[in-house]
Amino acid sequence: MKTIKSIASRMTQMCRPAWIVFLSSLQLCCLLLTASLLLYAGLFPDAPRSLAAALYELPEAILLIGVLISVCIEDAYRGRS
């Protein structure tokens, strides 16, 4: 529990550009997962289910890349190398 609190407190101290990158990647992941759910539920009958499966797998990579870019921005902002 202490680790989670330290991560949350560290996230609140992020620089603004890093925070924007992190939130943008999180929003994009939520959008892709919602689109995947709508496609899989059959709301769009012409769309193949393979598209829904691809949209379901994509957010993991986007979130990972977003977090890595956010960490790099934070390190550059704080002056670390």
PDB file of N, CA and C in Angstrom:
ATOM      1  N   MET A   1       0.821  -1.187   0.000  1.00  0.00           N
ATOM      2  CA  MET A   1       0.000   0.000   0.000  1.00  0.00           C
ATOM      3  C   MET A   1       0.871   1.259   0.000  1.00  0.00           C
ATOM      4  N   LYS A   2       2.008   1.189   0.675  1.00  0.00           N
ATOM      5  CA  LYS A   2       2.902   2.325   0.723  1.00  0.00           C
ATOM      6  C   LYS A   2       3.455   2.650  -0.661  1.00  0.00           C
ATOM      7  N   THR A   3       3.709   1.622  -1.458  1.00  0.00           N
ATOM      8  CA  THR A   3       4.233   1.816  -2.801  1.00  0.00           C
ATOM      9  C   THR A   3       3.214   2.542  -3.677  1.00  0.00           C
ATOM     10  N   ILE A   4       1.959   2.170  -3.568  1.00  0.00           N
ATOM     11  CA  ILE A   4       0.910   2.814  -4.365  1.00  0.00           C
ATOM     12  C   ILE A   4       0.773   4.283  -3.989  1.00  0.00           C
ATOM     13  N   LYS A   5       0.858   4.573  -2.694  1.00  0.00           N
ATOM     14  CA  LYS A   5       0.770   5.971  -2.252  1.00  0.00           C
ATOM     15  C   LYS A   5       1.958   6.781  -2.753  1.00  0.00           C
ATOM     16  N   SER A   6       3.140   6.183  -2.763  1.00  0.00           N
ATOM     17  CA  SER A   6       4.315   6.910  -3.247  1.00  0.00           C
ATOM     18  C   SER A   6       4.233   7.145  -4.753  1.00  0.00           C
ATOM     19  N   ILE A   7       3.688   6.191  -5.494  1.00  0.00           N
ATOM     20  CA  ILE A   7       3.512   6.374  -6.933  1.00  0.00           C
ATOM     21  C   ILE A   7       2.493   7.473  -7.205  1.00  0.00           C
ATOM     22  N   ALA A   8       1.396   7.469  -6.473  1.00  0.00           N
ATOM     23  CA  ALA A   8       0.369   8.487  -6.668  1.00  0.00           C
ATOM     24  C   ALA A   8       0.884   9.876  -6.311  1.00  0.00           C
ATOM     25  N   SER A   9       1.653   9.981  -5.251  1.00  0.00           N
ATOM     26  CA  SER A   9       2.186  11.293  -4.886  1.00  0.00           C
ATOM     27  C   SER A   9       3.228  11.762  -5.901  1.00  0.00           C
ATOM     28  N   ARG A  10       3.978  10.839  -6.461  1.00  0.00           N
ATOM     29  CA  ARG A  10       4.975  11.195  -7.479  1.00  0.00           C
ATOM     30  C   ARG A  10       4.290  11.646  -8.766  1.00  0.00           C
ATOM     31  N   MET A  11       3.176  11.022  -9.102  1.00  0.00           N
ATOM     32  CA  MET A  11       2.453  11.396 -10.310  1.00  0.00           C
ATOM     33  C   MET A  11       1.858  12.794 -10.194  1.00  0.00           C
ATOM     34  N   THR A  12       1.474  13.198  -9.000  1.00  0.00           N
ATOM     35  CA  THR A  12       0.911  14.538  -8.832  1.00  0.00           C
ATOM     36  C   THR A  12       1.970  15.617  -8.959  1.00  0.00           C
ATOM     37  N   GLN A  13       3.237  15.251  -8.904  1.00  0.00           N
ATOM     38  CA  GLN A  13       4.326  16.211  -9.006  1.00  0.00           C
ATOM     39  C   GLN A  13       4.972  16.233 -10.387  1.00  0.00           C
ATOM     40  N   MET A  14       4.359  15.559 -11.366  1.00  0.00           N
ATOM     41  CA  MET A  14       4.909  15.532 -12.722  1.00  0.00           C
ATOM     42  C   MET A  14       4.837  16.914 -13.359  1.00  0.00           C
ATOM     43  N   CYS A  15       5.750  17.169 -14.270  1.00  0.00           N
ATOM     44  CA  CYS A  15       5.689  18.432 -15.011  1.00  0.00           C
ATOM     45  C   CYS A  15       4.501  18.376 -15.976  1.00  0.00           C
ATOM     46  N   ARG A  16       4.043  19.540 -16.359  1.00  0.00           N
ATOM     47  CA  ARG A  16       2.821  19.622 -17.173  1.00  0.00           C
ATOM     48  C   ARG A  16       2.923  18.889 -18.520  1.00  0.00           C
ATOM     49  N   PRO A  17       4.009  19.036 -19.300  1.00  0.00           N
ATOM     50  CA  PRO A  17       4.075  18.305 -20.577  1.00  0.00           C
ATOM     51  C   PRO A  17       4.032  16.779 -20.406  1.00  0.00           C
ATOM     52  N   ALA A  18       4.706  16.267 -19.390  1.00  0.00           N
ATOM     53  CA  ALA A  18       4.687  14.822 -19.154  1.00  0.00           C
ATOM     54  C   ALA A  18       3.292  14.365 -18.749  1.00  0.00           C
ATOM     55  N   TRP A  19       2.624  15.179 -17.957  1.00  0.00           N
ATOM     56  CA  TRP A  19       1.264  14.838 -17.514  1.00  0.00           C
ATOM     57  C   TRP A  19       0.298  14.839 -18.698  1.00  0.00           C
ATOM     58  N   ILE A  20       0.472  15.797 -19.616  1.00  0.00           N
ATOM     59  CA  ILE A  20      -0.388  15.868 -20.799  1.00  0.00           C
ATOM     60  C   ILE A  20      -0.186  14.642 -21.691  1.00  0.00           C
ATOM     61  N   VAL A  21       1.059  14.213 -21.874  1.00  0.00           N
ATOM     62  CA  VAL A  21       1.335  13.016 -22.682  1.00  0.00           C
ATOM     63  C   VAL A  21       0.709  11.787 -22.032  1.00  0.00           C
ATOM     64  N   PHE A  22       0.852  11.670 -20.720  1.00  0.00           N
ATOM     65  CA  PHE A  22       0.286  10.519 -20.008  1.00  0.00           C
ATOM     66  C   PHE A  22      -1.239  10.500 -20.122  1.00  0.00           C
ATOM     67  N   LEU A  23      -1.885  11.642 -19.875  1.00  0.00           N
ATOM     68  CA  LEU A  23      -3.344  11.694 -19.955  1.00  0.00           C
ATOM     69  C   LEU A  23      -3.849  11.469 -21.380  1.00  0.00           C
ATOM     70  N   SER A  24      -3.140  11.986 -22.358  1.00  0.00           N
ATOM     71  CA  SER A  24      -3.544  11.793 -23.755  1.00  0.00           C
ATOM     72  C   SER A  24      -3.477  10.322 -24.149  1.00  0.00           C
ATOM     73  N   SER A  25      -2.420   9.644 -23.737  1.00  0.00           N
ATOM     74  CA  SER A  25      -2.315   8.218 -24.065  1.00  0.00           C
ATOM     75  C   SER A  25      -3.382   7.419 -23.321  1.00  0.00           C
ATOM     76  N   LEU A  26      -3.700   7.814 -22.103  1.00  0.00           N
ATOM     77  CA  LEU A  26      -4.754   7.134 -21.348  1.00  0.00           C
ATOM     78  C   LEU A  26      -6.122   7.352 -21.987  1.00  0.00           C
ATOM     79  N   GLN A  27      -6.396   8.561 -22.449  1.00  0.00           N
ATOM     80  CA  GLN A  27      -7.654   8.853 -23.125  1.00  0.00           C
ATOM     81  C   GLN A  27      -7.771   8.092 -24.442  1.00  0.00           C
ATOM     82  N   LEU A  28      -6.672   8.017 -25.187  1.00  0.00           N
ATOM     83  CA  LEU A  28      -6.684   7.271 -26.443  1.00  0.00           C
ATOM     84  C   LEU A  28      -6.944   5.787 -26.189  1.00  0.00           C
ATOM     85  N   CYS A  29      -6.362   5.245 -25.133  1.00  0.00           N
ATOM     86  CA  CYS A  29      -6.593   3.843 -24.789  1.00  0.00           C
ATOM     87  C   CYS A  29      -8.059   3.601 -24.452  1.00  0.00           C
ATOM     88  N   CYS A  30      -8.650   4.492 -23.687  1.00  0.00           N
ATOM     89  CA  CYS A  30     -10.067   4.350 -23.341  1.00  0.00           C
ATOM     90  C   CYS A  30     -10.948   4.441 -24.583  1.00  0.00           C
ATOM     91  N   LEU A  31     -10.608   5.337 -25.497  1.00  0.00           N
ATOM     92  CA  LEU A  31     -11.364   5.468 -26.733  1.00  0.00           C
ATOM     93  C   LEU A  31     -11.271   4.203 -27.585  1.00  0.00           C
ATOM     94  N   LEU A  32     -10.079   3.650 -27.697  1.00  0.00           N
ATOM     95  CA  LEU A  32      -9.906   2.429 -28.487  1.00  0.00           C
ATOM     96  C   LEU A  32     -10.628   1.238 -27.864  1.00  0.00           C
ATOM     97  N   LEU A  33     -10.589   1.142 -26.544  1.00  0.00           N
ATOM     98  CA  LEU A  33     -11.295   0.044 -25.887  1.00  0.00           C
ATOM     99  C   LEU A  33     -12.810   0.183 -26.040  1.00  0.00           C
ATOM    100  N   THR A  34     -13.306   1.402 -26.002  1.00  0.00           N
ATOM    101  CA  THR A  34     -14.739   1.623 -26.210  1.00  0.00           C
ATOM    102  C   THR A  34     -15.133   1.265 -27.644  1.00  0.00           C
ATOM    103  N   ALA A  35     -14.322   1.673 -28.606  1.00  0.00           N
ATOM    104  CA  ALA A  35     -14.598   1.327 -30.001  1.00  0.00           C
ATOM    105  C   ALA A  35     -14.565  -0.182 -30.205  1.00  0.00           C
ATOM    106  N   SER A  36     -13.623  -0.830 -29.560  1.00  0.00           N
ATOM    107  CA  SER A  36     -13.542  -2.286 -29.657  1.00  0.00           C
ATOM    108  C   SER A  36     -14.784  -2.949 -29.091  1.00  0.00           C
ATOM    109  N   LEU A  37     -15.250  -2.450 -27.966  1.00  0.00           N
ATOM    110  CA  LEU A  37     -16.456  -3.001 -27.346  1.00  0.00           C
ATOM    111  C   LEU A  37     -17.671  -2.809 -28.240  1.00  0.00           C
ATOM    112  N   LEU A  38     -17.790  -1.628 -28.847  1.00  0.00           N
ATOM    113  CA  LEU A  38     -18.920  -1.368 -29.727  1.00  0.00           C
ATOM    114  C   LEU A  38     -18.877  -2.245 -30.974  1.00  0.00           C
ATOM    115  N   LEU A  39     -17.687  -2.446 -31.519  1.00  0.00           N
ATOM    116  CA  LEU A  39     -17.562  -3.319 -32.692  1.00  0.00           C
ATOM    117  C   LEU A  39     -17.852  -4.769 -32.342  1.00  0.00           C
ATOM    118  N   TYR A  40     -17.367  -5.201 -31.194  1.00  0.00           N
ATOM    119  CA  TYR A  40     -17.566  -6.595 -30.797  1.00  0.00           C
ATOM    120  C   TYR A  40     -19.026  -6.870 -30.453  1.00  0.00           C
ATOM    121  N   ALA A  41     -19.718  -5.866 -29.907  1.00  0.00           N
ATOM    122  CA  ALA A  41     -21.129  -6.044 -29.550  1.00  0.00           C
ATOM    123  C   ALA A  41     -22.025  -6.095 -30.779  1.00  0.00           C
ATOM    124  N   GLY A  42     -21.488  -5.718 -31.929  1.00  0.00           N
ATOM    125  CA  GLY A  42     -22.263  -5.808 -33.158  1.00  0.00           C
ATOM    126  C   GLY A  42     -23.031  -4.549 -33.485  1.00  0.00           C
ATOM    127  N   LEU A  43     -22.635  -3.431 -32.935  1.00  0.00           N
ATOM    128  CA  LEU A  43     -23.323  -2.175 -33.230  1.00  0.00           C
ATOM    129  C   LEU A  43     -23.139  -1.778 -34.688  1.00  0.00           C
ATOM    130  N   PHE A  44     -22.015  -2.169 -35.261  1.00  0.00           N
ATOM    131  CA  PHE A  44     -21.741  -1.907 -36.674  1.00  0.00           C
ATOM    132  C   PHE A  44     -21.611  -3.261 -37.367  1.00  0.00           C
ATOM    133  N   PRO A  45     -22.671  -3.732 -37.974  1.00  0.00           N
ATOM    134  CA  PRO A  45     -22.675  -5.098 -38.509  1.00  0.00           C
ATOM    135  C   PRO A  45     -21.712  -5.330 -39.671  1.00  0.00           C
ATOM    136  N   ASP A  46     -21.316  -4.284 -40.372  1.00  0.00           N
ATOM    137  CA  ASP A  46     -20.423  -4.471 -41.520  1.00  0.00           C
ATOM    138  C   ASP A  46     -18.965  -4.620 -41.109  1.00  0.00           C
ATOM    139  N   ALA A  47     -18.629  -4.232 -39.892  1.00  0.00           N
ATOM    140  CA  ALA A  47     -17.234  -4.290 -39.435  1.00  0.00           C
ATOM    141  C   ALA A  47     -16.881  -5.717 -39.009  1.00  0.00           C
ATOM    142  N   PRO A  48     -15.711  -6.193 -39.424  1.00  0.00           N
ATOM    143  CA  PRO A  48     -15.309  -7.553 -39.027  1.00  0.00           C
ATOM    144  C   PRO A  48     -14.882  -7.613 -37.558  1.00  0.00           C
ATOM    145  N   ARG A  49     -15.025  -8.778 -36.972  1.00  0.00           N
ATOM    146  CA  ARG A  49     -14.630  -8.958 -35.569  1.00  0.00           C
ATOM    147  C   ARG A  49     -13.118  -8.916 -35.397  1.00  0.00           C
ATOM    148  N   SER A  50     -12.383  -9.152 -36.466  1.00  0.00           N
ATOM    149  CA  SER A  50     -10.921  -9.060 -36.367  1.00  0.00           C
ATOM    150  C   SER A  50     -10.493  -7.626 -36.100  1.00  0.00           C
ATOM    151  N   LEU A  51     -11.264  -6.660 -36.587  1.00  0.00           N
ATOM    152  CA  LEU A  51     -10.976  -5.255 -36.299  1.00  0.00           C
ATOM    153  C   LEU A  51     -11.190  -4.973 -34.809  1.00  0.00           C
ATOM    154  N   ALA A  52     -12.230  -5.555 -34.245  1.00  0.00           N
ATOM    155  CA  ALA A  52     -12.477  -5.385 -32.808  1.00  0.00           C
ATOM    156  C   ALA A  52     -11.345  -6.006 -31.999  1.00  0.00           C
ATOM    157  N   ALA A  53     -10.846  -7.156 -32.424  1.00  0.00           N
ATOM    158  CA  ALA A  53      -9.739  -7.801 -31.715  1.00  0.00           C
ATOM    159  C   ALA A  53      -8.469  -6.967 -31.810  1.00  0.00           C
ATOM    160  N   ALA A  54      -8.224  -6.374 -32.975  1.00  0.00           N
ATOM    161  CA  ALA A  54      -7.030  -5.533 -33.139  1.00  0.00           C
ATOM    162  C   ALA A  54      -7.130  -4.277 -32.280  1.00  0.00           C
ATOM    163  N   LEU A  55      -8.312  -3.671 -32.226  1.00  0.00           N
ATOM    164  CA  LEU A  55      -8.494  -2.486 -31.392  1.00  0.00           C
ATOM    165  C   LEU A  55      -8.401  -2.827 -29.906  1.00  0.00           C
ATOM    166  N   TYR A  56      -8.692  -4.050 -29.551  1.00  0.00           N
ATOM    167  CA  TYR A  56      -8.598  -4.472 -28.159  1.00  0.00           C
ATOM    168  C   TYR A  56      -7.144  -4.644 -27.717  1.00  0.00           C
ATOM    169  N   GLU A  57      -6.277  -5.059 -28.631  1.00  0.00           N
ATOM    170  CA  GLU A  57      -4.872  -5.304 -28.297  1.00  0.00           C
ATOM    171  C   GLU A  57      -4.002  -4.055 -28.388  1.00  0.00           C
ATOM    172  N   LEU A  58      -4.411  -3.068 -29.146  1.00  0.00           N
ATOM    173  CA  LEU A  58      -3.601  -1.878 -29.397  1.00  0.00           C
ATOM    174  C   LEU A  58      -3.368  -0.988 -28.171  1.00  0.00           C
ATOM    175  N   PRO A  59      -4.326  -0.786 -27.270  1.00  0.00           N
ATOM    176  CA  PRO A  59      -4.112   0.138 -26.148  1.00  0.00           C
ATOM    177  C   PRO A  59      -2.948  -0.211 -25.231  1.00  0.00           C
ATOM    178  N   GLU A  60      -2.617  -1.472 -25.102  1.00  0.00           N
ATOM    179  CA  GLU A  60      -1.474  -1.845 -24.258  1.00  0.00           C
ATOM    180  C   GLU A  60      -0.188  -1.205 -24.772  1.00  0.00           C
ATOM    181  N   ALA A  61       0.020  -1.289 -26.066  1.00  0.00           N
ATOM    182  CA  ALA A  61       1.225  -0.720 -26.664  1.00  0.00           C
ATOM    183  C   ALA A  61       1.212   0.803 -26.581  1.00  0.00           C
ATOM    184  N   ILE A  62       0.065   1.406 -26.817  1.00  0.00           N
ATOM    185  CA  ILE A  62      -0.033   2.861 -26.765  1.00  0.00           C
ATOM    186  C   ILE A  62       0.239   3.371 -25.359  1.00  0.00           C
ATOM    187  N   LEU A  63      -0.315   2.711 -24.359  1.00  0.00           N
ATOM    188  CA  LEU A  63      -0.090   3.138 -22.983  1.00  0.00           C
ATOM    189  C   LEU A  63       1.368   2.960 -22.581  1.00  0.00           C
ATOM    190  N   LEU A  64       1.984   1.878 -22.993  1.00  0.00           N
ATOM    191  CA  LEU A  64       3.396   1.660 -22.687  1.00  0.00           C
ATOM    192  C   LEU A  64       4.266   2.742 -23.324  1.00  0.00           C
ATOM    193  N   ILE A  65       4.020   3.047 -24.585  1.00  0.00           N
ATOM    194  CA  ILE A  65       4.791   4.089 -25.267  1.00  0.00           C
ATOM    195  C   ILE A  65       4.531   5.444 -24.627  1.00  0.00           C
ATOM    196  N   GLY A  66       3.296   5.729 -24.267  1.00  0.00           N
ATOM    197  CA  GLY A  66       2.969   6.996 -23.631  1.00  0.00           C
ATOM    198  C   GLY A  66       3.655   7.169 -22.291  1.00  0.00           C
ATOM    199  N   VAL A  67       3.710   6.095 -21.506  1.00  0.00           N
ATOM    200  CA  VAL A  67       4.384   6.162 -20.208  1.00  0.00           C
ATOM    201  C   VAL A  67       5.882   6.360 -20.394  1.00  0.00           C
ATOM    202  N   LEU A  68       6.470   5.666 -21.351  1.00  0.00           N
ATOM    203  CA  LEU A  68       7.906   5.825 -21.596  1.00  0.00           C
ATOM    204  C   LEU A  68       8.245   7.241 -22.058  1.00  0.00           C
ATOM    205  N   ILE A  69       7.435   7.794 -22.936  1.00  0.00           N
ATOM    206  CA  ILE A  69       7.675   9.168 -23.392  1.00  0.00           C
ATOM    207  C   ILE A  69       7.482  10.144 -22.241  1.00  0.00           C
ATOM    208  N   SER A  70       6.492   9.911 -21.424  1.00  0.00           N
ATOM    209  CA  SER A  70       6.239  10.767 -20.272  1.00  0.00           C
ATOM    210  C   SER A  70       7.415  10.741 -19.295  1.00  0.00           C
ATOM    211  N   VAL A  71       7.973   9.573 -19.071  1.00  0.00           N
ATOM    212  CA  VAL A  71       9.132   9.455 -18.181  1.00  0.00           C
ATOM    213  C   VAL A  71      10.339  10.180 -18.779  1.00  0.00           C
ATOM    214  N   CYS A  72      10.545  10.051 -20.080  1.00  0.00           N
ATOM    215  CA  CYS A  72      11.665  10.750 -20.726  1.00  0.00           C
ATOM    216  C   CYS A  72      11.499  12.262 -20.633  1.00  0.00           C
ATOM    217  N   ILE A  73      10.278  12.748 -20.836  1.00  0.00           N
ATOM    218  CA  ILE A  73      10.031  14.179 -20.721  1.00  0.00           C
ATOM    219  C   ILE A  73      10.275  14.640 -19.286  1.00  0.00           C
ATOM    220  N   GLU A  74       9.811  13.862 -18.333  1.00  0.00           N
ATOM    221  CA  GLU A  74       9.990  14.217 -16.915  1.00  0.00           C
ATOM    222  C   GLU A  74      11.472  14.250 -16.546  1.00  0.00           C
ATOM    223  N   ASP A  75      12.234  13.282 -17.020  1.00  0.00           N
ATOM    224  CA  ASP A  75      13.672  13.264 -16.747  1.00  0.00           C
ATOM    225  C   ASP A  75      14.379  14.461 -17.374  1.00  0.00           C
ATOM    226  N   ALA A  76      14.010  14.798 -18.604  1.00  0.00           N
ATOM    227  CA  ALA A  76      14.626  15.947 -19.276  1.00  0.00           C
ATOM    228  C   ALA A  76      14.224  17.245 -18.574  1.00  0.00           C
ATOM    229  N   TYR A  77      13.009  17.319 -18.092  1.00  0.00           N
ATOM    230  CA  TYR A  77      12.536  18.519 -17.408  1.00  0.00           C
ATOM    231  C   TYR A  77      13.265  18.709 -16.067  1.00  0.00           C
ATOM    232  N   ARG A  78      13.486  17.619 -15.381  1.00  0.00           N
ATOM    233  CA  ARG A  78      14.149  17.692 -14.074  1.00  0.00           C
ATOM    234  C   ARG A  78      15.670  17.806 -14.202  1.00  0.00           C
ATOM    235  N   GLY A  79      16.214  17.615 -15.412  1.00  0.00           N
ATOM    236  CA  GLY A  79      17.640  17.769 -15.631  1.00  0.00           C
ATOM    237  C   GLY A  79      18.448  16.521 -15.353  1.00  0.00           C
ATOM    238  N   ARG A  80      17.794  15.384 -15.361  1.00  0.00           N
ATOM    239  CA  ARG A  80      18.523  14.127 -15.158  1.00  0.00           C
ATOM    240  C   ARG A  80      18.966  13.598 -16.507  1.00  0.00           C
ATOM    241  N   SER A  81      19.972  12.732 -16.479  1.00  0.00           N
ATOM    242  CA  SER A  81      20.423  12.133 -17.739  1.00  0.00           C
ATOM    243  C   SER A  81      20.414  10.638 -17.660  1.00  0.00           C
TER     244      SER A  81
END
